[in-house]
Amino acid sequence: MPTVKFTYALKRFFPGLQQTAAQGDTLAAVLEEMESSYPGVRSYVLDEQGKLRQHVNIFIDGTMIKDRTTLSDPFSENSEIYIMQALSGG
């Protein structure tokens, strides 16, 4: 069962976020599962077409996903999926 982890910056918008075990077998299914636990997080991560928003990156086992459009990057049941918000500033 993959584990989903979130950066601290996302907790500013979703204070209840915690490392969560997921059962989905696709990234889209995992994000839908996170939505049921943390309402609003899916629409923060994905746009209206289901594509990864520009200010968000997802890493699977330390490698940034390549498919930001259909989220088809594979993962295993032992994978760690990191959802990160891009930050900017000086």
Foldseek 3Di string as FASTA:
>chain_A
DEWEAEDPVVCVVFVPDDTGQADDFFPLRRLVVVCVVTPPVQCVQAPPQRFGDPQKWKDKQRHTDDGRRPRGDGHDSHIYIYIYGHDDDD
